[in-house]
């Protein structure tokens, strides 16, 4: 539910049956066409997965890639993209009561009321430690800016912002997604697909601000009020001390919730080509192992081709 703490090591098989999608004008989905010449032979624990070569737009692997599923904190990718449509990275935002909108068991960046951060610093707090508090601060302040009305309530501001989030996702081609809250916390009517998340991830890689942030394992920043804060990335593929470390990995975002299971949207550059790997509905450790197995298979395939 937007939290990054460990969940029980059990296979998650739910996809679109155990939560309400709401009446959101769902469309019939067409599975991405697999590139049969370069298809990967790999078995993953994840209930839903997809692998895309961003240079050729070829789909190399998919498993239930267009099932409607909960996004968990992978939704923060589209939150970050939407914020940067309306705000400069150097704009400053003050943390307020909006951080009380997050649930008690949320992952957080430990923002405090009165803290002043730049948008870039808030995006770091959003993407590295997966701060739900940062998600609400960004969403409320951006929502007020979009509306041109600082008098909006926090709930009104979130509504304005999420309308733009869904416009953004549709524009990116993520047509089978509906985002309700900026942190991705489990809520009725919110859903996405592994394929849609791959499209959103590609847009994140194309954004110079976001791509730099998500490629970092650690970040230290001095905020306007003098607080010096260091965050580590929840993506263990970026951690040089982790058994799952892979130097070719360049991001992107973890997720973890009751409905979504443990998730990872990652990207890697292998022999000059960029690949996006989405694994959803996995387990705490298996999401990293699934991703490694996929990248190792890509490397093996390139070696023998």
C-alpha atoms as a PDB file:
ATOM      1  CA  UNK A   1       0.000   0.000   0.000  1.00  0.00           C
ATOM      2  CA  UNK A   2       2.762   2.350  -0.913  1.00  0.00           C
ATOM      3  CA  UNK A   3       4.887   0.849   1.830  1.00  0.00           C
ATOM      4  CA  UNK A   4       8.251  -0.707   1.081  1.00  0.00           C
ATOM      5  CA  UNK A   5       8.576  -2.932   4.156  1.00  0.00           C
ATOM      6  CA  UNK A   6       8.909  -6.706   3.606  1.00  0.00           C
ATOM      7  CA  UNK A   7       5.789  -8.717   2.938  1.00  0.00           C
ATOM      8  CA  UNK A   8       5.391 -12.461   3.540  1.00  0.00           C
ATOM      9  CA  UNK A   9       7.330 -14.655   1.116  1.00  0.00           C
ATOM     10  CA  UNK A  10       4.394 -16.126  -0.743  1.00  0.00           C
ATOM     11  CA  UNK A  11       3.506 -16.131  -4.380  1.00  0.00           C
ATOM     12  CA  UNK A  12       0.932 -13.512  -5.268  1.00  0.00           C
ATOM     13  CA  UNK A  13      -1.501 -14.653  -7.908  1.00  0.00           C
ATOM     14  CA  UNK A  14      -4.174 -11.984  -7.728  1.00  0.00           C
ATOM     15  CA  UNK A  15      -4.593  -9.780 -10.741  1.00  0.00           C
ATOM     16  CA  UNK A  16      -7.891  -8.083 -11.389  1.00  0.00           C
ATOM     17  CA  UNK A  17     -10.242 -10.178  -9.287  1.00  0.00           C
ATOM     18  CA  UNK A  18      -9.651  -9.139  -5.692  1.00  0.00           C
ATOM     19  CA  UNK A  19     -10.343  -5.435  -5.865  1.00  0.00           C
ATOM     20  CA  UNK A  20     -12.865  -3.107  -7.403  1.00  0.00           C
ATOM     21  CA  UNK A  21     -11.909  -1.379 -10.604  1.00  0.00           C
ATOM     22  CA  UNK A  22     -14.939   0.845 -10.407  1.00  0.00           C
ATOM     23  CA  UNK A  23     -16.890   2.063 -13.397  1.00  0.00           C
ATOM     24  CA  UNK A  24     -14.053   3.690 -15.283  1.00  0.00           C
ATOM     25  CA  UNK A  25     -14.899   3.013 -18.893  1.00  0.00           C
ATOM     26  CA  UNK A  26     -12.607   0.014 -19.177  1.00  0.00           C
ATOM     27  CA  UNK A  27     -11.459  -0.817 -22.683  1.00  0.00           C
ATOM     28  CA  UNK A  28     -10.754  -4.130 -24.328  1.00  0.00           C
ATOM     29  CA  UNK A  29      -7.007  -4.597 -24.278  1.00  0.00           C
ATOM     30  CA  UNK A  30      -4.855  -6.075 -26.984  1.00  0.00           C
ATOM     31  CA  UNK A  31      -1.718  -7.842 -25.852  1.00  0.00           C
ATOM     32  CA  UNK A  32       1.514  -6.316 -27.137  1.00  0.00           C
ATOM     33  CA  UNK A  33       2.888  -8.347 -30.047  1.00  0.00           C
ATOM     34  CA  UNK A  34       5.825 -10.472 -28.972  1.00  0.00           C
ATOM     35  CA  UNK A  35       9.024 -10.181 -31.001  1.00  0.00           C
ATOM     36  CA  UNK A  36       9.314 -13.894 -31.788  1.00  0.00           C
ATOM     37  CA  UNK A  37      12.867 -13.575 -33.138  1.00  0.00           C
ATOM     38  CA  UNK A  38      14.143 -12.128 -29.857  1.00  0.00           C
ATOM     39  CA  UNK A  39      11.652 -13.544 -27.346  1.00  0.00           C
ATOM     40  CA  UNK A  40      13.155 -14.371 -23.964  1.00  0.00           C
ATOM     41  CA  UNK A  41      12.911 -17.828 -22.444  1.00  0.00           C
ATOM     42  CA  UNK A  42      12.597 -17.167 -18.749  1.00  0.00           C
ATOM     43  CA  UNK A  43      10.348 -18.146 -15.843  1.00  0.00           C
ATOM     44  CA  UNK A  44       9.402 -15.501 -13.283  1.00  0.00           C
ATOM     45  CA  UNK A  45       7.624 -15.617  -9.949  1.00  0.00           C
ATOM     46  CA  UNK A  46       5.756 -12.405 -10.719  1.00  0.00           C
ATOM     47  CA  UNK A  47       2.081 -12.712 -11.585  1.00  0.00           C
ATOM     48  CA  UNK A  48       2.452 -10.006 -14.234  1.00  0.00           C
ATOM     49  CA  UNK A  49       5.519  -9.057 -16.213  1.00  0.00           C
ATOM     50  CA  UNK A  50       6.650  -7.423 -19.428  1.00  0.00           C
ATOM     51  CA  UNK A  51      10.018  -6.644 -21.017  1.00  0.00           C
ATOM     52  CA  UNK A  52      10.455  -4.013 -23.713  1.00  0.00           C
ATOM     53  CA  UNK A  53      13.424  -2.868 -25.771  1.00  0.00           C
ATOM     54  CA  UNK A  54      12.927   0.908 -25.790  1.00  0.00           C
ATOM     55  CA  UNK A  55      15.164   1.376 -28.841  1.00  0.00           C
ATOM     56  CA  UNK A  56      13.072  -0.904 -31.064  1.00  0.00           C
ATOM     57  CA  UNK A  57       9.791  -0.796 -29.081  1.00  0.00           C
ATOM     58  CA  UNK A  58       9.811  -4.598 -29.315  1.00  0.00           C
ATOM     59  CA  UNK A  59       8.170  -6.674 -26.581  1.00  0.00           C
ATOM     60  CA  UNK A  60      10.584  -9.474 -25.659  1.00  0.00           C
ATOM     61  CA  UNK A  61       8.576 -11.129 -22.903  1.00  0.00           C
ATOM     62  CA  UNK A  62       5.192 -10.833 -21.313  1.00  0.00           C
ATOM     63  CA  UNK A  63       3.168 -12.655 -18.698  1.00  0.00           C
ATOM     64  CA  UNK A  64      -0.352 -11.355 -18.155  1.00  0.00           C
ATOM     65  CA  UNK A  65       1.025  -7.992 -19.274  1.00  0.00           C
ATOM     66  CA  UNK A  66      -2.370  -6.379 -19.871  1.00  0.00           C
ATOM     67  CA  UNK A  67      -4.222  -7.644 -16.781  1.00  0.00           C
ATOM     68  CA  UNK A  68      -5.574  -4.829 -14.637  1.00  0.00           C
ATOM     69  CA  UNK A  69      -3.606  -4.738 -11.391  1.00  0.00           C
ATOM     70  CA  UNK A  70      -2.902  -2.394  -8.497  1.00  0.00           C
ATOM     71  CA  UNK A  71       0.139  -0.163  -9.070  1.00  0.00           C
ATOM     72  CA  UNK A  72       1.350   0.353  -5.474  1.00  0.00           C
ATOM     73  CA  UNK A  73       4.238   2.853  -5.405  1.00  0.00           C
ATOM     74  CA  UNK A  74       5.069   2.378  -9.087  1.00  0.00           C
ATOM     75  CA  UNK A  75       2.311   4.997  -9.509  1.00  0.00           C
ATOM     76  CA  UNK A  76       4.829   7.561  -8.257  1.00  0.00           C
ATOM     77  CA  UNK A  77       6.418   7.508 -11.720  1.00  0.00           C
ATOM     78  CA  UNK A  78       3.365   9.157 -13.292  1.00  0.00           C
ATOM     79  CA  UNK A  79       3.082  11.497 -10.285  1.00  0.00           C
ATOM     80  CA  UNK A  80       6.647  12.701 -10.916  1.00  0.00           C
ATOM     81  CA  UNK A  81       6.050  13.163 -14.645  1.00  0.00           C
ATOM     82  CA  UNK A  82       2.871  15.169 -14.047  1.00  0.00           C
ATOM     83  CA  UNK A  83       4.531  17.446 -11.485  1.00  0.00           C
ATOM     84  CA  UNK A  84       7.248  18.387 -13.969  1.00  0.00           C
ATOM     85  CA  UNK A  85       4.637  19.334 -16.568  1.00  0.00           C
ATOM     86  CA  UNK A  86       3.661  22.246 -14.337  1.00  0.00           C
ATOM     87  CA  UNK A  87       6.590  22.949 -12.023  1.00  0.00           C
ATOM     88  CA  UNK A  88      10.253  23.779 -12.459  1.00  0.00           C
ATOM     89  CA  UNK A  89      12.760  21.573 -10.587  1.00  0.00           C
ATOM     90  CA  UNK A  90      13.955  24.699  -8.764  1.00  0.00           C
ATOM     91  CA  UNK A  91      10.498  25.773  -7.569  1.00  0.00           C
ATOM     92  CA  UNK A  92      10.152  25.627  -3.790  1.00  0.00           C
ATOM     93  CA  UNK A  93       7.304  23.936  -1.925  1.00  0.00           C
ATOM     94  CA  UNK A  94       6.514  24.115   1.783  1.00  0.00           C
ATOM     95  CA  UNK A  95       5.394  20.963   3.550  1.00  0.00           C
ATOM     96  CA  UNK A  96       2.021  21.351   5.243  1.00  0.00           C
ATOM     97  CA  UNK A  97      -0.874  19.391   6.697  1.00  0.00           C
ATOM     98  CA  UNK A  98      -1.248  17.453   3.439  1.00  0.00           C
ATOM     99  CA  UNK A  99       1.297  14.915   4.735  1.00  0.00           C
ATOM    100  CA  UNK A 100      -1.376  13.795   7.215  1.00  0.00           C
ATOM    101  CA  UNK A 101      -3.354  12.437   4.256  1.00  0.00           C
ATOM    102  CA  UNK A 102      -1.023   9.452   3.937  1.00  0.00           C
ATOM    103  CA  UNK A 103      -1.819   6.215   5.762  1.00  0.00           C
ATOM    104  CA  UNK A 104       0.031   5.307   8.943  1.00  0.00           C
ATOM    105  CA  UNK A 105       1.765   2.281   7.399  1.00  0.00           C
ATOM    106  CA  UNK A 106       3.077   4.266   4.437  1.00  0.00           C
ATOM    107  CA  UNK A 107       6.664   4.393   3.332  1.00  0.00           C
ATOM    108  CA  UNK A 108       7.820   7.925   4.035  1.00  0.00           C
ATOM    109  CA  UNK A 109      10.627  10.415   3.543  1.00  0.00           C
ATOM    110  CA  UNK A 110      10.080  11.805   7.069  1.00  0.00           C
ATOM    111  CA  UNK A 111       9.132  15.276   5.919  1.00  0.00           C
ATOM    112  CA  UNK A 112       7.999  17.628   8.659  1.00  0.00           C
ATOM    113  CA  UNK A 113       5.499  20.470   8.486  1.00  0.00           C
ATOM    114  CA  UNK A 114       7.348  23.668   7.708  1.00  0.00           C
ATOM    115  CA  UNK A 115      10.139  22.010   5.726  1.00  0.00           C
ATOM    116  CA  UNK A 116      10.876  23.841   2.489  1.00  0.00           C
ATOM    117  CA  UNK A 117      12.229  21.799  -0.414  1.00  0.00           C
ATOM    118  CA  UNK A 118      12.739  22.350  -4.100  1.00  0.00           C
ATOM    119  CA  UNK A 119      10.639  20.272  -6.464  1.00  0.00           C
ATOM    120  CA  UNK A 120      13.757  18.309  -7.388  1.00  0.00           C
ATOM    121  CA  UNK A 121      14.420  17.534  -3.710  1.00  0.00           C
ATOM    122  CA  UNK A 122      10.812  16.441  -3.259  1.00  0.00           C
ATOM    123  CA  UNK A 123      11.119  14.189  -6.307  1.00  0.00           C
ATOM    124  CA  UNK A 124      14.183  12.590  -4.721  1.00  0.00           C
ATOM    125  CA  UNK A 125      12.144  12.051  -1.533  1.00  0.00           C
ATOM    126  CA  UNK A 126       9.358  10.599  -3.670  1.00  0.00           C
ATOM    127  CA  UNK A 127      11.405   8.205  -5.787  1.00  0.00           C
ATOM    128  CA  UNK A 128      14.307   6.971  -3.604  1.00  0.00           C
ATOM    129  CA  UNK A 129      12.756   6.177  -0.180  1.00  0.00           C
ATOM    130  CA  UNK A 130       9.306   6.134  -1.835  1.00  0.00           C
ATOM    131  CA  UNK A 131       7.934   8.856   0.411  1.00  0.00           C
ATOM    132  CA  UNK A 132       4.150   9.017   0.434  1.00  0.00           C
ATOM    133  CA  UNK A 133       4.510  12.284   2.345  1.00  0.00           C
ATOM    134  CA  UNK A 134       6.457  13.692  -0.605  1.00  0.00           C
ATOM    135  CA  UNK A 135       3.731  12.454  -2.962  1.00  0.00           C
ATOM    136  CA  UNK A 136       1.065  14.445  -1.131  1.00  0.00           C
ATOM    137  CA  UNK A 137       3.189  17.580  -0.812  1.00  0.00           C
ATOM    138  CA  UNK A 138       3.933  17.520  -4.539  1.00  0.00           C
ATOM    139  CA  UNK A 139       0.341  16.727  -5.520  1.00  0.00           C
ATOM    140  CA  UNK A 140      -1.325  19.366  -3.337  1.00  0.00           C
ATOM    141  CA  UNK A 141       1.056  22.159  -4.284  1.00  0.00           C
ATOM    142  CA  UNK A 142       0.962  21.263  -7.982  1.00  0.00           C
ATOM    143  CA  UNK A 143      -2.828  20.961  -7.899  1.00  0.00           C
ATOM    144  CA  UNK A 144      -3.128  24.489  -6.508  1.00  0.00           C
ATOM    145  CA  UNK A 145      -0.741  25.766  -9.169  1.00  0.00           C
ATOM    146  CA  UNK A 146      -2.711  24.069 -11.950  1.00  0.00           C
ATOM    147  CA  UNK A 147      -5.966  25.567 -10.669  1.00  0.00           C
ATOM    148  CA  UNK A 148      -4.371  28.949 -10.008  1.00  0.00           C
ATOM    149  CA  UNK A 149      -6.039  28.922  -6.618  1.00  0.00           C
ATOM    150  CA  UNK A 150      -4.090  28.665  -3.355  1.00  0.00           C
ATOM    151  CA  UNK A 151      -7.404  28.615  -1.495  1.00  0.00           C
ATOM    152  CA  UNK A 152      -8.257  25.074  -2.571  1.00  0.00           C
ATOM    153  CA  UNK A 153      -8.526  22.483   0.174  1.00  0.00           C
ATOM    154  CA  UNK A 154      -6.010  19.678   0.131  1.00  0.00           C
ATOM    155  CA  UNK A 155      -8.649  17.231  -1.126  1.00  0.00           C
ATOM    156  CA  UNK A 156      -9.670  19.620  -3.915  1.00  0.00           C
ATOM    157  CA  UNK A 157      -6.029  20.062  -4.890  1.00  0.00           C
ATOM    158  CA  UNK A 158      -5.515  16.285  -5.060  1.00  0.00           C
ATOM    159  CA  UNK A 159      -8.580  15.980  -7.287  1.00  0.00           C
ATOM    160  CA  UNK A 160      -7.248  18.622  -9.690  1.00  0.00           C
ATOM    161  CA  UNK A 161      -3.832  16.975  -9.747  1.00  0.00           C
ATOM    162  CA  UNK A 162      -5.105  13.429 -10.303  1.00  0.00           C
ATOM    163  CA  UNK A 163      -7.206  14.599 -13.257  1.00  0.00           C
ATOM    164  CA  UNK A 164      -3.958  15.752 -14.871  1.00  0.00           C
ATOM    165  CA  UNK A 165      -2.199  12.506 -13.883  1.00  0.00           C
ATOM    166  CA  UNK A 166      -4.802  10.507 -15.794  1.00  0.00           C
ATOM    167  CA  UNK A 167      -4.635  12.876 -18.755  1.00  0.00           C
ATOM    168  CA  UNK A 168      -0.878  12.379 -18.768  1.00  0.00           C
ATOM    169  CA  UNK A 169      -1.083   8.594 -18.630  1.00  0.00           C
ATOM    170  CA  UNK A 170      -3.568   8.549 -21.512  1.00  0.00           C
ATOM    171  CA  UNK A 171      -1.297  10.823 -23.540  1.00  0.00           C
ATOM    172  CA  UNK A 172       1.581   8.395 -22.995  1.00  0.00           C
ATOM    173  CA  UNK A 173      -0.553   5.538 -24.330  1.00  0.00           C
ATOM    174  CA  UNK A 174      -1.235   4.025 -20.917  1.00  0.00           C
ATOM    175  CA  UNK A 175      -4.908   3.736 -21.791  1.00  0.00           C
ATOM    176  CA  UNK A 176      -5.829   0.947 -19.390  1.00  0.00           C
ATOM    177  CA  UNK A 177      -4.837   2.730 -16.204  1.00  0.00           C
ATOM    178  CA  UNK A 178      -6.697   4.874 -13.706  1.00  0.00           C
ATOM    179  CA  UNK A 179      -4.843   6.574 -10.879  1.00  0.00           C
ATOM    180  CA  UNK A 180      -6.763   7.831  -7.849  1.00  0.00           C
ATOM    181  CA  UNK A 181      -4.099   8.832  -5.282  1.00  0.00           C
ATOM    182  CA  UNK A 182      -0.617  10.254  -5.892  1.00  0.00           C
ATOM    183  CA  UNK A 183       1.253   7.690  -3.783  1.00  0.00           C
ATOM    184  CA  UNK A 184      -0.295   4.568  -5.325  1.00  0.00           C
ATOM    185  CA  UNK A 185      -1.757   3.354  -2.024  1.00  0.00           C
ATOM    186  CA  UNK A 186      -4.406   0.636  -2.525  1.00  0.00           C
ATOM    187  CA  UNK A 187      -7.799   2.204  -3.200  1.00  0.00           C
ATOM    188  CA  UNK A 188     -10.928   1.207  -5.109  1.00  0.00           C
ATOM    189  CA  UNK A 189     -10.977   2.259  -8.747  1.00  0.00           C
ATOM    190  CA  UNK A 190      -7.207   2.490  -9.107  1.00  0.00           C
ATOM    191  CA  UNK A 191      -5.530   0.149 -11.553  1.00  0.00           C
ATOM    192  CA  UNK A 192      -2.875  -0.164 -14.203  1.00  0.00           C
ATOM    193  CA  UNK A 193      -1.204  -2.862 -16.301  1.00  0.00           C
ATOM    194  CA  UNK A 194       2.392  -4.020 -16.594  1.00  0.00           C
ATOM    195  CA  UNK A 195       2.376  -2.785 -20.195  1.00  0.00           C
ATOM    196  CA  UNK A 196       1.103   0.670 -19.179  1.00  0.00           C
ATOM    197  CA  UNK A 197       3.786   0.920 -16.504  1.00  0.00           C
ATOM    198  CA  UNK A 198       6.426   0.144 -19.132  1.00  0.00           C
ATOM    199  CA  UNK A 199       5.159   3.074 -21.223  1.00  0.00           C
ATOM    200  CA  UNK A 200       5.224   5.365 -18.190  1.00  0.00           C
ATOM    201  CA  UNK A 201       8.712   4.148 -17.296  1.00  0.00           C
ATOM    202  CA  UNK A 202       9.935   4.981 -20.805  1.00  0.00           C
ATOM    203  CA  UNK A 203       8.683   8.550 -20.366  1.00  0.00           C
ATOM    204  CA  UNK A 204      10.570   8.732 -17.055  1.00  0.00           C
ATOM    205  CA  UNK A 205      13.787   7.648 -18.767  1.00  0.00           C
ATOM    206  CA  UNK A 206      13.227  10.316 -21.401  1.00  0.00           C
ATOM    207  CA  UNK A 207      12.930  12.998 -18.699  1.00  0.00           C
ATOM    208  CA  UNK A 208      16.409  14.249 -17.715  1.00  0.00           C
ATOM    209  CA  UNK A 209      15.396  15.188 -14.165  1.00  0.00           C
ATOM    210  CA  UNK A 210      13.629  11.946 -13.305  1.00  0.00           C
ATOM    211  CA  UNK A 211      16.104   9.676 -15.088  1.00  0.00           C
ATOM    212  CA  UNK A 212      18.989  11.149 -13.106  1.00  0.00           C
ATOM    213  CA  UNK A 213      17.140  10.744  -9.799  1.00  0.00           C
ATOM    214  CA  UNK A 214      16.010   7.139 -10.303  1.00  0.00           C
ATOM    215  CA  UNK A 215      19.489   6.014 -11.395  1.00  0.00           C
ATOM    216  CA  UNK A 216      20.976   7.068  -8.040  1.00  0.00           C
ATOM    217  CA  UNK A 217      21.318   4.640  -5.150  1.00  0.00           C
ATOM    218  CA  UNK A 218      21.986   7.360  -2.585  1.00  0.00           C
ATOM    219  CA  UNK A 219      21.382  11.100  -2.421  1.00  0.00           C
ATOM    220  CA  UNK A 220      22.331  13.764   0.133  1.00  0.00           C
ATOM    221  CA  UNK A 221      20.692  17.183  -0.006  1.00  0.00           C
ATOM    222  CA  UNK A 222      20.702  20.318   2.123  1.00  0.00           C
ATOM    223  CA  UNK A 223      17.224  21.806   2.353  1.00  0.00           C
ATOM    224  CA  UNK A 224      16.362  25.496   2.657  1.00  0.00           C
ATOM    225  CA  UNK A 225      15.824  25.231   6.432  1.00  0.00           C
ATOM    226  CA  UNK A 226      19.260  23.692   6.943  1.00  0.00           C
ATOM    227  CA  UNK A 227      18.236  20.046   7.245  1.00  0.00           C
ATOM    228  CA  UNK A 228      20.743  17.754   5.553  1.00  0.00           C
ATOM    229  CA  UNK A 229      18.994  14.580   4.464  1.00  0.00           C
ATOM    230  CA  UNK A 230      20.401  11.397   2.934  1.00  0.00           C
ATOM    231  CA  UNK A 231      18.148   8.886   1.197  1.00  0.00           C
ATOM    232  CA  UNK A 232      18.900   5.430  -0.166  1.00  0.00           C
ATOM    233  CA  UNK A 233      17.009   3.944  -3.089  1.00  0.00           C
ATOM    234  CA  UNK A 234      14.625   1.073  -2.328  1.00  0.00           C
ATOM    235  CA  UNK A 235      15.725  -0.551  -5.634  1.00  0.00           C
ATOM    236  CA  UNK A 236      18.291  -3.160  -4.589  1.00  0.00           C
ATOM    237  CA  UNK A 237      19.487  -3.566  -8.186  1.00  0.00           C
ATOM    238  CA  UNK A 238      21.204  -0.197  -7.675  1.00  0.00           C
ATOM    239  CA  UNK A 239      22.785  -1.048  -4.316  1.00  0.00           C
ATOM    240  CA  UNK A 240      26.497  -1.904  -4.786  1.00  0.00           C
ATOM    241  CA  UNK A 241      26.404  -3.867  -1.512  1.00  0.00           C
ATOM    242  CA  UNK A 242      23.404  -5.970  -2.518  1.00  0.00           C
ATOM    243  CA  UNK A 243      23.440  -9.508  -3.871  1.00  0.00           C
ATOM    244  CA  UNK A 244      21.091  -8.226  -6.559  1.00  0.00           C
ATOM    245  CA  UNK A 245      23.289  -5.366  -7.728  1.00  0.00           C
ATOM    246  CA  UNK A 246      23.655  -4.996 -11.480  1.00  0.00           C
ATOM    247  CA  UNK A 247      25.812  -2.109 -12.764  1.00  0.00           C
ATOM    248  CA  UNK A 248      23.840  -1.896 -16.010  1.00  0.00           C
ATOM    249  CA  UNK A 249      20.632  -0.961 -14.150  1.00  0.00           C
ATOM    250  CA  UNK A 250      19.553   2.705 -14.395  1.00  0.00           C
ATOM    251  CA  UNK A 251      16.347   2.791 -12.323  1.00  0.00           C
ATOM    252  CA  UNK A 252      13.380   3.002 -11.758  1.00  0.00           C
ATOM    253  CA  UNK A 253      10.781   2.316  -9.012  1.00  0.00           C
ATOM    254  CA  UNK A 254       9.759  -0.271  -6.451  1.00  0.00           C
ATOM    255  CA  UNK A 255       6.279  -0.903  -5.129  1.00  0.00           C
ATOM    256  CA  UNK A 256       4.726  -3.004  -2.388  1.00  0.00           C
ATOM    257  CA  UNK A 257       1.116  -3.351  -1.266  1.00  0.00           C
ATOM    258  CA  UNK A 258      -1.469  -5.878  -0.169  1.00  0.00           C
ATOM    259  CA  UNK A 259      -3.168  -5.913  -3.562  1.00  0.00           C
ATOM    260  CA  UNK A 260      -0.140  -5.386  -5.785  1.00  0.00           C
ATOM    261  CA  UNK A 261       2.315  -7.634  -3.979  1.00  0.00           C
ATOM    262  CA  UNK A 262       5.980  -6.727  -4.300  1.00  0.00           C
ATOM    263  CA  UNK A 263       6.763  -4.948  -7.551  1.00  0.00           C
ATOM    264  CA  UNK A 264       9.689  -3.518  -9.465  1.00  0.00           C
ATOM    265  CA  UNK A 265       9.834  -1.410 -12.584  1.00  0.00           C
ATOM    266  CA  UNK A 266      13.467  -1.352 -13.664  1.00  0.00           C
ATOM    267  CA  UNK A 267      15.573  -0.384 -16.657  1.00  0.00           C
ATOM    268  CA  UNK A 268      19.017  -1.428 -17.829  1.00  0.00           C
ATOM    269  CA  UNK A 269      21.413  -0.556 -20.621  1.00  0.00           C
ATOM    270  CA  UNK A 270      22.900  -3.710 -22.181  1.00  0.00           C
ATOM    271  CA  UNK A 271      25.297  -3.419 -25.110  1.00  0.00           C
ATOM    272  CA  UNK A 272      24.072   0.081 -25.839  1.00  0.00           C
ATOM    273  CA  UNK A 273      20.364  -0.767 -25.878  1.00  0.00           C
ATOM    274  CA  UNK A 274      17.877   0.149 -23.147  1.00  0.00           C
ATOM    275  CA  UNK A 275      15.431  -2.373 -21.727  1.00  0.00           C
ATOM    276  CA  UNK A 276      12.505  -1.848 -19.385  1.00  0.00           C
ATOM    277  CA  UNK A 277      11.449  -4.725 -17.172  1.00  0.00           C
ATOM    278  CA  UNK A 278       8.191  -4.639 -15.193  1.00  0.00           C
ATOM    279  CA  UNK A 279       7.497  -7.341 -12.595  1.00  0.00           C
ATOM    280  CA  UNK A 280       4.301  -7.047 -10.553  1.00  0.00           C
ATOM    281  CA  UNK A 281       2.674  -9.326  -8.004  1.00  0.00           C
ATOM    282  CA  UNK A 282       5.921 -10.931  -6.925  1.00  0.00           C
ATOM    283  CA  UNK A 283       7.554 -11.289  -3.502  1.00  0.00           C
ATOM    284  CA  UNK A 284      10.009  -9.067  -1.664  1.00  0.00           C
ATOM    285  CA  UNK A 285      13.093 -10.925  -2.898  1.00  0.00           C
ATOM    286  CA  UNK A 286      11.723 -12.516  -6.058  1.00  0.00           C
ATOM    287  CA  UNK A 287      10.994  -9.164  -7.710  1.00  0.00           C
ATOM    288  CA  UNK A 288      14.745  -8.524  -7.765  1.00  0.00           C
ATOM    289  CA  UNK A 289      15.645 -12.086  -8.756  1.00  0.00           C
ATOM    290  CA  UNK A 290      13.006 -12.058 -11.531  1.00  0.00           C
ATOM    291  CA  UNK A 291      14.536  -8.875 -12.909  1.00  0.00           C
ATOM    292  CA  UNK A 292      18.097 -10.230 -12.739  1.00  0.00           C
ATOM    293  CA  UNK A 293      17.043 -13.439 -14.486  1.00  0.00           C
ATOM    294  CA  UNK A 294      15.503 -11.384 -17.273  1.00  0.00           C
ATOM    295  CA  UNK A 295      18.548  -9.142 -17.740  1.00  0.00           C
ATOM    296  CA  UNK A 296      20.893 -12.139 -17.633  1.00  0.00           C
ATOM    297  CA  UNK A 297      18.798 -13.826 -20.315  1.00  0.00           C
ATOM    298  CA  UNK A 298      19.015 -10.710 -22.495  1.00  0.00           C
ATOM    299  CA  UNK A 299      22.794 -10.746 -22.118  1.00  0.00           C
ATOM    300  CA  UNK A 300      22.987 -14.446 -22.920  1.00  0.00           C
ATOM    301  CA  UNK A 301      20.769 -14.014 -25.971  1.00  0.00           C
ATOM    302  CA  UNK A 302      22.890 -11.156 -27.296  1.00  0.00           C
ATOM    303  CA  UNK A 303      26.029 -13.217 -26.778  1.00  0.00           C
ATOM    304  CA  UNK A 304      24.758 -16.051 -28.956  1.00  0.00           C
ATOM    305  CA  UNK A 305      23.046 -13.952 -31.625  1.00  0.00           C
END
